[in-house]
């Protein structure tokens, strides 16, 4: 093989690698942009940026009993407990209907899916069977929130007050500009792909493990008729007025024989093999994770 041919092949490989990086970089910027505006929407209505714990413990409200609606004679403590519950339920609905679809992508948890299936259900997407919201994807949404939380706490209030307000340009010698750019795990001047700290991988793995345990426990609870993911689905349907007659999208409504019904119900089975890790920050390659989870038959 001539040196000229080797050089050309090497150049092609380099160009393809650069193209892949650009696609990932652009995709991550778009993801971050969409997520940011969902948080801005929340802030405009509630006037606060939810704390990280509010996000990672967002499902906990479903394990609480709704307090009685306060009356004029109710104590301040009872009124506060009721207000806290309503706020946490509002946050859960926003998380399910706004933040999570933005973080994991409309293809996975868009309107065509999230009003009709639990987020742990499996479907065919682009010819491949996969969980609607894979735990790595949700975990990355939590990591992204933690990474950008401090920055968002500075930027969101300013932009909520004045939509024309622009983020100050970062200047090394001007510390006043740093809070509008600094992030916990990534280099704010290198994009979401570049400059990730090693601690980000540890955090991501921790979030993956937390979601795994939550889903394993929910699987057990579901057998007793108490699934938080079913409650999430019911909450979304109630919010959007989706009745039992509308549970299936129109494209899937059809007359079915008894035999066909059994086949169709396979689309609603929970599958635990969330084998695709969509982000390179994760320390496992796609497909290496299924050994620690048992698939349902």
C-alpha atoms as a PDB file:
ATOM      1  CA  UNK A   1       0.000   0.000   0.000  1.00  0.00           C
ATOM      2  CA  UNK A   2       1.432   3.350  -1.019  1.00  0.00           C
ATOM      3  CA  UNK A   3       2.145   6.113   1.468  1.00  0.00           C
ATOM      4  CA  UNK A   4      -0.288   8.381  -0.377  1.00  0.00           C
ATOM      5  CA  UNK A   5      -3.144   5.869   0.040  1.00  0.00           C
ATOM      6  CA  UNK A   6      -2.331   5.383   3.725  1.00  0.00           C
ATOM      7  CA  UNK A   7      -2.367   9.143   4.234  1.00  0.00           C
ATOM      8  CA  UNK A   8      -5.744   9.450   2.541  1.00  0.00           C
ATOM      9  CA  UNK A   9      -7.254   6.643   4.610  1.00  0.00           C
ATOM     10  CA  UNK A  10      -5.914   8.229   7.783  1.00  0.00           C
ATOM     11  CA  UNK A  11      -7.382  11.585   6.772  1.00  0.00           C
ATOM     12  CA  UNK A  12     -10.779   9.981   6.154  1.00  0.00           C
ATOM     13  CA  UNK A  13     -10.728   8.355   9.603  1.00  0.00           C
ATOM     14  CA  UNK A  14      -9.844  11.676  11.238  1.00  0.00           C
ATOM     15  CA  UNK A  15     -12.608  13.502   9.375  1.00  0.00           C
ATOM     16  CA  UNK A  16     -15.170  10.870  10.338  1.00  0.00           C
ATOM     17  CA  UNK A  17     -14.112  11.128  13.982  1.00  0.00           C
ATOM     18  CA  UNK A  18     -14.405  14.920  13.908  1.00  0.00           C
ATOM     19  CA  UNK A  19     -17.846  14.598  12.310  1.00  0.00           C
ATOM     20  CA  UNK A  20     -18.975  12.241  15.092  1.00  0.00           C
ATOM     21  CA  UNK A  21     -17.746  14.679  17.737  1.00  0.00           C
ATOM     22  CA  UNK A  22     -19.541  17.571  16.075  1.00  0.00           C
ATOM     23  CA  UNK A  23     -22.785  15.614  15.904  1.00  0.00           C
ATOM     24  CA  UNK A  24     -22.520  14.680  19.583  1.00  0.00           C
ATOM     25  CA  UNK A  25     -21.603  18.235  20.557  1.00  0.00           C
ATOM     26  CA  UNK A  26     -24.479  19.737  18.594  1.00  0.00           C
ATOM     27  CA  UNK A  27     -26.910  17.159  19.952  1.00  0.00           C
ATOM     28  CA  UNK A  28     -25.881  17.848  23.534  1.00  0.00           C
ATOM     29  CA  UNK A  29     -26.191  21.606  23.076  1.00  0.00           C
ATOM     30  CA  UNK A  30     -29.690  21.153  21.644  1.00  0.00           C
ATOM     31  CA  UNK A  31     -30.631  18.897  24.562  1.00  0.00           C
ATOM     32  CA  UNK A  32     -29.340  21.413  27.093  1.00  0.00           C
ATOM     33  CA  UNK A  33     -31.152  24.248  25.334  1.00  0.00           C
ATOM     34  CA  UNK A  34     -34.507  22.422  25.419  1.00  0.00           C
ATOM     35  CA  UNK A  35     -34.097  21.385  29.057  1.00  0.00           C
ATOM     36  CA  UNK A  36     -33.182  24.924  30.082  1.00  0.00           C
ATOM     37  CA  UNK A  37     -36.372  26.371  28.641  1.00  0.00           C
ATOM     38  CA  UNK A  38     -38.493  23.795  30.459  1.00  0.00           C
ATOM     39  CA  UNK A  39     -36.906  24.992  33.711  1.00  0.00           C
ATOM     40  CA  UNK A  40     -37.513  28.600  32.699  1.00  0.00           C
ATOM     41  CA  UNK A  41     -41.196  27.775  32.145  1.00  0.00           C
ATOM     42  CA  UNK A  42     -41.400  26.279  35.647  1.00  0.00           C
ATOM     43  CA  UNK A  43     -39.705  29.314  37.188  1.00  0.00           C
ATOM     44  CA  UNK A  44     -42.060  31.781  35.524  1.00  0.00           C
ATOM     45  CA  UNK A  45     -45.015  30.057  37.165  1.00  0.00           C
ATOM     46  CA  UNK A  46     -43.526  29.102  40.545  1.00  0.00           C
ATOM     47  CA  UNK A  47     -40.683  31.612  40.997  1.00  0.00           C
ATOM     48  CA  UNK A  48     -38.036  29.149  42.110  1.00  0.00           C
ATOM     49  CA  UNK A  49     -35.624  26.679  40.559  1.00  0.00           C
ATOM     50  CA  UNK A  50     -36.227  23.203  42.042  1.00  0.00           C
ATOM     51  CA  UNK A  51     -33.298  21.894  44.047  1.00  0.00           C
ATOM     52  CA  UNK A  52     -31.444  18.783  42.930  1.00  0.00           C
ATOM     53  CA  UNK A  53     -33.090  16.715  45.681  1.00  0.00           C
ATOM     54  CA  UNK A  54     -36.498  17.815  44.393  1.00  0.00           C
ATOM     55  CA  UNK A  55     -35.607  16.172  41.079  1.00  0.00           C
ATOM     56  CA  UNK A  56     -33.959  12.983  42.351  1.00  0.00           C
ATOM     57  CA  UNK A  57     -36.758  12.439  44.907  1.00  0.00           C
ATOM     58  CA  UNK A  58     -39.553  13.571  42.617  1.00  0.00           C
ATOM     59  CA  UNK A  59     -41.460  10.264  42.805  1.00  0.00           C
ATOM     60  CA  UNK A  60     -41.548  10.253  46.623  1.00  0.00           C
ATOM     61  CA  UNK A  61     -44.739  12.346  46.741  1.00  0.00           C
ATOM     62  CA  UNK A  62     -46.650   9.345  45.367  1.00  0.00           C
ATOM     63  CA  UNK A  63     -45.898   7.484  48.579  1.00  0.00           C
ATOM     64  CA  UNK A  64     -47.505  10.200  50.690  1.00  0.00           C
ATOM     65  CA  UNK A  65     -51.176  10.510  51.521  1.00  0.00           C
ATOM     66  CA  UNK A  66     -52.815  13.705  50.328  1.00  0.00           C
ATOM     67  CA  UNK A  67     -53.516  15.950  53.348  1.00  0.00           C
ATOM     68  CA  UNK A  68     -57.038  17.214  53.892  1.00  0.00           C
ATOM     69  CA  UNK A  69     -57.765  20.509  52.172  1.00  0.00           C
ATOM     70  CA  UNK A  70     -57.336  23.219  54.825  1.00  0.00           C
ATOM     71  CA  UNK A  71     -60.187  25.364  56.070  1.00  0.00           C
ATOM     72  CA  UNK A  72     -60.249  28.707  57.832  1.00  0.00           C
ATOM     73  CA  UNK A  73     -59.838  26.898  61.140  1.00  0.00           C
ATOM     74  CA  UNK A  74     -56.928  24.714  60.038  1.00  0.00           C
ATOM     75  CA  UNK A  75     -53.566  25.178  61.713  1.00  0.00           C
ATOM     76  CA  UNK A  76     -50.662  26.768  59.891  1.00  0.00           C
ATOM     77  CA  UNK A  77     -48.890  23.425  60.012  1.00  0.00           C
ATOM     78  CA  UNK A  78     -51.798  21.698  58.242  1.00  0.00           C
ATOM     79  CA  UNK A  79     -51.959  24.451  55.633  1.00  0.00           C
ATOM     80  CA  UNK A  80     -48.230  24.181  55.006  1.00  0.00           C
ATOM     81  CA  UNK A  81     -48.419  20.383  54.687  1.00  0.00           C
ATOM     82  CA  UNK A  82     -51.196  20.705  52.108  1.00  0.00           C
ATOM     83  CA  UNK A  83     -49.359  23.384  50.150  1.00  0.00           C
ATOM     84  CA  UNK A  84     -46.170  21.280  50.153  1.00  0.00           C
ATOM     85  CA  UNK A  85     -48.061  18.279  48.823  1.00  0.00           C
ATOM     86  CA  UNK A  86     -49.725  20.258  46.022  1.00  0.00           C
ATOM     87  CA  UNK A  87     -46.373  21.831  45.075  1.00  0.00           C
ATOM     88  CA  UNK A  88     -44.653  18.453  44.982  1.00  0.00           C
ATOM     89  CA  UNK A  89     -47.441  16.984  42.851  1.00  0.00           C
ATOM     90  CA  UNK A  90     -47.157  19.952  40.477  1.00  0.00           C
ATOM     91  CA  UNK A  91     -43.409  19.355  40.286  1.00  0.00           C
ATOM     92  CA  UNK A  92     -43.939  15.655  39.508  1.00  0.00           C
ATOM     93  CA  UNK A  93     -46.362  16.515  36.716  1.00  0.00           C
ATOM     94  CA  UNK A  94     -43.906  19.057  35.293  1.00  0.00           C
ATOM     95  CA  UNK A  95     -41.099  16.511  35.530  1.00  0.00           C
ATOM     96  CA  UNK A  96     -43.107  13.856  33.692  1.00  0.00           C
ATOM     97  CA  UNK A  97     -44.646  16.120  31.090  1.00  0.00           C
ATOM     98  CA  UNK A  98     -41.869  18.659  30.515  1.00  0.00           C
ATOM     99  CA  UNK A  99     -38.444  17.915  31.973  1.00  0.00           C
ATOM    100  CA  UNK A 100     -38.180  14.156  31.389  1.00  0.00           C
ATOM    101  CA  UNK A 101     -39.272  14.282  27.713  1.00  0.00           C
ATOM    102  CA  UNK A 102     -36.779  17.096  27.134  1.00  0.00           C
ATOM    103  CA  UNK A 103     -33.971  15.226  28.913  1.00  0.00           C
ATOM    104  CA  UNK A 104     -34.446  11.812  27.294  1.00  0.00           C
ATOM    105  CA  UNK A 105     -35.887  12.954  23.962  1.00  0.00           C
ATOM    106  CA  UNK A 106     -39.336  13.175  22.402  1.00  0.00           C
ATOM    107  CA  UNK A 107     -38.661  10.025  20.394  1.00  0.00           C
ATOM    108  CA  UNK A 108     -38.481   8.037  23.631  1.00  0.00           C
ATOM    109  CA  UNK A 109     -41.045   9.834  25.816  1.00  0.00           C
ATOM    110  CA  UNK A 110     -43.001  12.113  23.518  1.00  0.00           C
ATOM    111  CA  UNK A 111     -46.773  12.564  23.472  1.00  0.00           C
ATOM    112  CA  UNK A 112     -47.179   9.484  21.302  1.00  0.00           C
ATOM    113  CA  UNK A 113     -45.856   7.370  24.205  1.00  0.00           C
ATOM    114  CA  UNK A 114     -46.051   9.046  27.606  1.00  0.00           C
ATOM    115  CA  UNK A 115     -49.860   9.337  27.704  1.00  0.00           C
ATOM    116  CA  UNK A 116     -50.373   5.703  26.749  1.00  0.00           C
ATOM    117  CA  UNK A 117     -47.578   3.677  28.326  1.00  0.00           C
ATOM    118  CA  UNK A 118     -45.571   3.626  31.533  1.00  0.00           C
ATOM    119  CA  UNK A 119     -42.055   4.974  31.192  1.00  0.00           C
ATOM    120  CA  UNK A 120     -40.711   1.518  32.063  1.00  0.00           C
ATOM    121  CA  UNK A 121     -42.687  -0.187  29.285  1.00  0.00           C
ATOM    122  CA  UNK A 122     -40.933  -1.354  26.147  1.00  0.00           C
ATOM    123  CA  UNK A 123     -41.761  -0.475  22.553  1.00  0.00           C
ATOM    124  CA  UNK A 124     -40.270  -0.785  19.085  1.00  0.00           C
ATOM    125  CA  UNK A 125     -38.307   2.357  18.270  1.00  0.00           C
ATOM    126  CA  UNK A 126     -36.615   2.477  14.885  1.00  0.00           C
ATOM    127  CA  UNK A 127     -36.902  -1.272  14.605  1.00  0.00           C
ATOM    128  CA  UNK A 128     -35.365  -2.027  17.979  1.00  0.00           C
ATOM    129  CA  UNK A 129     -37.095  -3.105  21.201  1.00  0.00           C
ATOM    130  CA  UNK A 130     -36.224  -0.733  23.998  1.00  0.00           C
ATOM    131  CA  UNK A 131     -37.428   0.737  27.273  1.00  0.00           C
ATOM    132  CA  UNK A 132     -39.196   4.070  26.785  1.00  0.00           C
ATOM    133  CA  UNK A 133     -37.120   5.783  29.468  1.00  0.00           C
ATOM    134  CA  UNK A 134     -33.924   3.823  29.983  1.00  0.00           C
ATOM    135  CA  UNK A 135     -32.394   4.315  33.377  1.00  0.00           C
ATOM    136  CA  UNK A 136     -29.130   5.650  31.916  1.00  0.00           C
ATOM    137  CA  UNK A 137     -31.086   8.335  30.074  1.00  0.00           C
ATOM    138  CA  UNK A 138     -33.008   9.437  33.164  1.00  0.00           C
ATOM    139  CA  UNK A 139     -29.794   9.298  35.209  1.00  0.00           C
ATOM    140  CA  UNK A 140     -28.080  11.552  32.687  1.00  0.00           C
ATOM    141  CA  UNK A 141     -30.999  13.969  33.047  1.00  0.00           C
ATOM    142  CA  UNK A 142     -30.284  14.092  36.782  1.00  0.00           C
ATOM    143  CA  UNK A 143     -26.559  14.512  36.193  1.00  0.00           C
ATOM    144  CA  UNK A 144     -27.193  17.345  33.757  1.00  0.00           C
ATOM    145  CA  UNK A 145     -29.444  19.027  36.333  1.00  0.00           C
ATOM    146  CA  UNK A 146     -26.790  18.729  39.035  1.00  0.00           C
ATOM    147  CA  UNK A 147     -24.089  19.934  36.659  1.00  0.00           C
ATOM    148  CA  UNK A 148     -25.958  23.093  35.656  1.00  0.00           C
ATOM    149  CA  UNK A 149     -28.015  23.819  38.788  1.00  0.00           C
ATOM    150  CA  UNK A 150     -25.877  26.671  40.185  1.00  0.00           C
ATOM    151  CA  UNK A 151     -25.608  28.303  36.766  1.00  0.00           C
ATOM    152  CA  UNK A 152     -29.351  28.038  36.177  1.00  0.00           C
ATOM    153  CA  UNK A 153     -30.041  29.625  39.574  1.00  0.00           C
ATOM    154  CA  UNK A 154     -28.234  32.722  38.303  1.00  0.00           C
ATOM    155  CA  UNK A 155     -29.418  32.758  34.711  1.00  0.00           C
ATOM    156  CA  UNK A 156     -33.077  31.709  34.986  1.00  0.00           C
ATOM    157  CA  UNK A 157     -34.292  34.521  37.307  1.00  0.00           C
ATOM    158  CA  UNK A 158     -32.658  37.160  35.112  1.00  0.00           C
ATOM    159  CA  UNK A 159     -34.154  35.819  31.912  1.00  0.00           C
ATOM    160  CA  UNK A 160     -37.554  35.363  33.560  1.00  0.00           C
ATOM    161  CA  UNK A 161     -37.584  39.056  34.483  1.00  0.00           C
ATOM    162  CA  UNK A 162     -36.338  40.226  31.100  1.00  0.00           C
ATOM    163  CA  UNK A 163     -36.488  37.907  28.048  1.00  0.00           C
ATOM    164  CA  UNK A 164     -34.064  40.225  26.231  1.00  0.00           C
ATOM    165  CA  UNK A 165     -31.413  39.824  28.943  1.00  0.00           C
ATOM    166  CA  UNK A 166     -28.210  38.210  27.711  1.00  0.00           C
ATOM    167  CA  UNK A 167     -25.781  36.055  29.681  1.00  0.00           C
ATOM    168  CA  UNK A 168     -22.644  38.107  30.440  1.00  0.00           C
ATOM    169  CA  UNK A 169     -19.600  37.002  28.526  1.00  0.00           C
ATOM    170  CA  UNK A 170     -17.240  34.925  30.646  1.00  0.00           C
ATOM    171  CA  UNK A 171     -14.086  36.814  31.542  1.00  0.00           C
ATOM    172  CA  UNK A 172     -11.241  35.174  33.363  1.00  0.00           C
ATOM    173  CA  UNK A 173     -10.350  38.317  35.292  1.00  0.00           C
ATOM    174  CA  UNK A 174     -13.945  39.194  36.180  1.00  0.00           C
ATOM    175  CA  UNK A 175     -15.286  36.765  38.839  1.00  0.00           C
ATOM    176  CA  UNK A 176     -18.726  38.392  38.623  1.00  0.00           C
ATOM    177  CA  UNK A 177     -19.232  36.720  35.237  1.00  0.00           C
ATOM    178  CA  UNK A 178     -18.271  33.229  36.394  1.00  0.00           C
ATOM    179  CA  UNK A 179     -21.525  32.152  38.165  1.00  0.00           C
ATOM    180  CA  UNK A 180     -23.406  32.550  34.877  1.00  0.00           C
ATOM    181  CA  UNK A 181     -21.146  29.949  33.244  1.00  0.00           C
ATOM    182  CA  UNK A 182     -19.590  27.675  35.876  1.00  0.00           C
ATOM    183  CA  UNK A 183     -20.850  24.093  36.084  1.00  0.00           C
ATOM    184  CA  UNK A 184     -20.076  21.368  38.593  1.00  0.00           C
ATOM    185  CA  UNK A 185     -18.677  18.602  36.410  1.00  0.00           C
ATOM    186  CA  UNK A 186     -17.929  19.997  32.949  1.00  0.00           C
ATOM    187  CA  UNK A 187     -15.823  22.774  31.490  1.00  0.00           C
ATOM    188  CA  UNK A 188     -18.348  25.538  30.690  1.00  0.00           C
ATOM    189  CA  UNK A 189     -16.076  26.794  27.935  1.00  0.00           C
ATOM    190  CA  UNK A 190     -15.568  23.383  26.340  1.00  0.00           C
ATOM    191  CA  UNK A 191     -19.134  22.212  25.739  1.00  0.00           C
ATOM    192  CA  UNK A 192     -20.952  19.351  27.459  1.00  0.00           C
ATOM    193  CA  UNK A 193     -18.699  16.806  25.746  1.00  0.00           C
ATOM    194  CA  UNK A 194     -15.355  18.277  26.708  1.00  0.00           C
ATOM    195  CA  UNK A 195     -13.800  18.626  30.119  1.00  0.00           C
ATOM    196  CA  UNK A 196     -15.934  16.206  32.156  1.00  0.00           C
ATOM    197  CA  UNK A 197     -14.437  15.515  35.566  1.00  0.00           C
ATOM    198  CA  UNK A 198     -13.960  11.937  36.714  1.00  0.00           C
ATOM    199  CA  UNK A 199     -16.444  12.588  39.535  1.00  0.00           C
ATOM    200  CA  UNK A 200     -19.190  12.972  36.909  1.00  0.00           C
ATOM    201  CA  UNK A 201     -18.914   9.279  36.058  1.00  0.00           C
ATOM    202  CA  UNK A 202     -19.224   8.400  39.742  1.00  0.00           C
ATOM    203  CA  UNK A 203     -22.303  10.580  40.071  1.00  0.00           C
ATOM    204  CA  UNK A 204     -23.876   9.120  36.942  1.00  0.00           C
ATOM    205  CA  UNK A 205     -23.291   5.559  38.115  1.00  0.00           C
ATOM    206  CA  UNK A 206     -24.836   6.461  41.463  1.00  0.00           C
ATOM    207  CA  UNK A 207     -27.940   7.823  39.771  1.00  0.00           C
ATOM    208  CA  UNK A 208     -28.175   4.732  37.566  1.00  0.00           C
ATOM    209  CA  UNK A 209     -28.030   2.524  40.638  1.00  0.00           C
ATOM    210  CA  UNK A 210     -30.678   4.585  42.465  1.00  0.00           C
ATOM    211  CA  UNK A 211     -33.062   4.353  39.510  1.00  0.00           C
ATOM    212  CA  UNK A 212     -32.359   0.634  39.158  1.00  0.00           C
ATOM    213  CA  UNK A 213     -33.302   0.035  42.812  1.00  0.00           C
ATOM    214  CA  UNK A 214     -36.412   2.199  42.450  1.00  0.00           C
ATOM    215  CA  UNK A 215     -37.557   0.204  39.436  1.00  0.00           C
ATOM    216  CA  UNK A 216     -36.807  -3.141  41.034  1.00  0.00           C
ATOM    217  CA  UNK A 217     -38.851  -2.173  44.107  1.00  0.00           C
ATOM    218  CA  UNK A 218     -41.654  -0.830  41.939  1.00  0.00           C
ATOM    219  CA  UNK A 219     -41.766  -4.117  40.062  1.00  0.00           C
ATOM    220  CA  UNK A 220     -42.432  -5.872  43.367  1.00  0.00           C
ATOM    221  CA  UNK A 221     -44.984  -3.271  44.419  1.00  0.00           C
ATOM    222  CA  UNK A 222     -46.764  -3.535  41.067  1.00  0.00           C
ATOM    223  CA  UNK A 223     -47.646  -7.144  41.869  1.00  0.00           C
ATOM    224  CA  UNK A 224     -49.500  -5.766  44.896  1.00  0.00           C
ATOM    225  CA  UNK A 225     -51.267  -3.163  42.743  1.00  0.00           C
ATOM    226  CA  UNK A 226     -49.145  -0.191  43.845  1.00  0.00           C
ATOM    227  CA  UNK A 227     -46.835   0.881  40.997  1.00  0.00           C
ATOM    228  CA  UNK A 228     -45.543   4.453  41.073  1.00  0.00           C
ATOM    229  CA  UNK A 229     -45.054   4.331  37.320  1.00  0.00           C
ATOM    230  CA  UNK A 230     -48.684   3.382  36.813  1.00  0.00           C
ATOM    231  CA  UNK A 231     -49.609   6.283  39.095  1.00  0.00           C
ATOM    232  CA  UNK A 232     -47.444   8.571  36.953  1.00  0.00           C
ATOM    233  CA  UNK A 233     -49.258   7.407  33.834  1.00  0.00           C
ATOM    234  CA  UNK A 234     -52.636   7.902  35.520  1.00  0.00           C
ATOM    235  CA  UNK A 235     -51.575  11.412  36.561  1.00  0.00           C
ATOM    236  CA  UNK A 236     -50.634  12.366  32.995  1.00  0.00           C
ATOM    237  CA  UNK A 237     -53.869  10.950  31.612  1.00  0.00           C
ATOM    238  CA  UNK A 238     -55.944  12.813  34.174  1.00  0.00           C
ATOM    239  CA  UNK A 239     -54.114  16.078  33.486  1.00  0.00           C
ATOM    240  CA  UNK A 240     -54.807  15.806  29.763  1.00  0.00           C
ATOM    241  CA  UNK A 241     -58.296  14.370  30.025  1.00  0.00           C
ATOM    242  CA  UNK A 242     -57.422  11.058  28.384  1.00  0.00           C
ATOM    243  CA  UNK A 243     -60.202   8.540  28.983  1.00  0.00           C
ATOM    244  CA  UNK A 244     -60.061   4.765  28.891  1.00  0.00           C
ATOM    245  CA  UNK A 245     -61.408   4.850  25.327  1.00  0.00           C
ATOM    246  CA  UNK A 246     -58.345   6.879  24.332  1.00  0.00           C
ATOM    247  CA  UNK A 247     -55.715   4.752  26.041  1.00  0.00           C
ATOM    248  CA  UNK A 248     -54.396   3.539  22.695  1.00  0.00           C
ATOM    249  CA  UNK A 249     -53.333   6.017  20.001  1.00  0.00           C
ATOM    250  CA  UNK A 250     -55.775   6.186  17.084  1.00  0.00           C
ATOM    251  CA  UNK A 251     -53.308   4.458  14.776  1.00  0.00           C
ATOM    252  CA  UNK A 252     -53.440   1.365  16.968  1.00  0.00           C
ATOM    253  CA  UNK A 253     -57.223   1.193  17.514  1.00  0.00           C
ATOM    254  CA  UNK A 254     -58.721  -1.714  15.649  1.00  0.00           C
ATOM    255  CA  UNK A 255     -61.008  -4.655  16.083  1.00  0.00           C
ATOM    256  CA  UNK A 256     -59.104  -7.460  17.678  1.00  0.00           C
ATOM    257  CA  UNK A 257     -59.788 -11.123  18.079  1.00  0.00           C
ATOM    258  CA  UNK A 258     -58.959 -12.881  21.321  1.00  0.00           C
ATOM    259  CA  UNK A 259     -55.769 -14.232  19.779  1.00  0.00           C
ATOM    260  CA  UNK A 260     -54.705 -10.794  18.587  1.00  0.00           C
ATOM    261  CA  UNK A 261     -55.320  -9.342  22.043  1.00  0.00           C
ATOM    262  CA  UNK A 262     -52.670 -11.589  23.569  1.00  0.00           C
ATOM    263  CA  UNK A 263     -50.134 -10.530  20.963  1.00  0.00           C
ATOM    264  CA  UNK A 264     -50.907  -6.850  21.408  1.00  0.00           C
ATOM    265  CA  UNK A 265     -50.505  -7.004  25.169  1.00  0.00           C
ATOM    266  CA  UNK A 266     -46.849  -7.878  24.689  1.00  0.00           C
ATOM    267  CA  UNK A 267     -46.299  -4.185  23.918  1.00  0.00           C
ATOM    268  CA  UNK A 268     -47.287  -3.379  27.504  1.00  0.00           C
ATOM    269  CA  UNK A 269     -44.921  -5.777  29.220  1.00  0.00           C
ATOM    270  CA  UNK A 270     -42.204  -4.360  31.436  1.00  0.00           C
ATOM    271  CA  UNK A 271     -38.690  -5.237  30.275  1.00  0.00           C
ATOM    272  CA  UNK A 272     -35.736  -4.728  32.575  1.00  0.00           C
ATOM    273  CA  UNK A 273     -32.926  -4.944  30.049  1.00  0.00           C
ATOM    274  CA  UNK A 274     -31.931  -1.315  29.589  1.00  0.00           C
ATOM    275  CA  UNK A 275     -28.807  -2.137  27.706  1.00  0.00           C
ATOM    276  CA  UNK A 276     -28.073   1.073  25.815  1.00  0.00           C
ATOM    277  CA  UNK A 277     -25.939   3.640  27.591  1.00  0.00           C
ATOM    278  CA  UNK A 278     -26.455   6.658  25.304  1.00  0.00           C
ATOM    279  CA  UNK A 279     -23.679   8.855  26.645  1.00  0.00           C
ATOM    280  CA  UNK A 280     -19.955   8.259  26.497  1.00  0.00           C
ATOM    281  CA  UNK A 281     -19.437   9.546  30.028  1.00  0.00           C
ATOM    282  CA  UNK A 282     -20.838   6.224  31.263  1.00  0.00           C
ATOM    283  CA  UNK A 283     -18.104   3.722  32.077  1.00  0.00           C
ATOM    284  CA  UNK A 284     -19.774   0.770  30.374  1.00  0.00           C
ATOM    285  CA  UNK A 285     -20.191   0.141  26.691  1.00  0.00           C
ATOM    286  CA  UNK A 286     -23.741  -0.332  25.353  1.00  0.00           C
ATOM    287  CA  UNK A 287     -24.965  -3.856  25.889  1.00  0.00           C
ATOM    288  CA  UNK A 288     -22.790  -4.683  28.906  1.00  0.00           C
ATOM    289  CA  UNK A 289     -25.421  -4.073  31.514  1.00  0.00           C
ATOM    290  CA  UNK A 290     -28.092  -6.677  30.974  1.00  0.00           C
ATOM    291  CA  UNK A 291     -26.368  -9.399  33.017  1.00  0.00           C
ATOM    292  CA  UNK A 292     -27.404  -7.889  36.337  1.00  0.00           C
ATOM    293  CA  UNK A 293     -31.092  -7.748  35.499  1.00  0.00           C
ATOM    294  CA  UNK A 294     -33.532 -10.523  34.757  1.00  0.00           C
ATOM    295  CA  UNK A 295     -35.741 -10.089  31.764  1.00  0.00           C
ATOM    296  CA  UNK A 296     -39.386 -10.956  32.010  1.00  0.00           C
ATOM    297  CA  UNK A 297     -40.619 -13.803  29.867  1.00  0.00           C
END
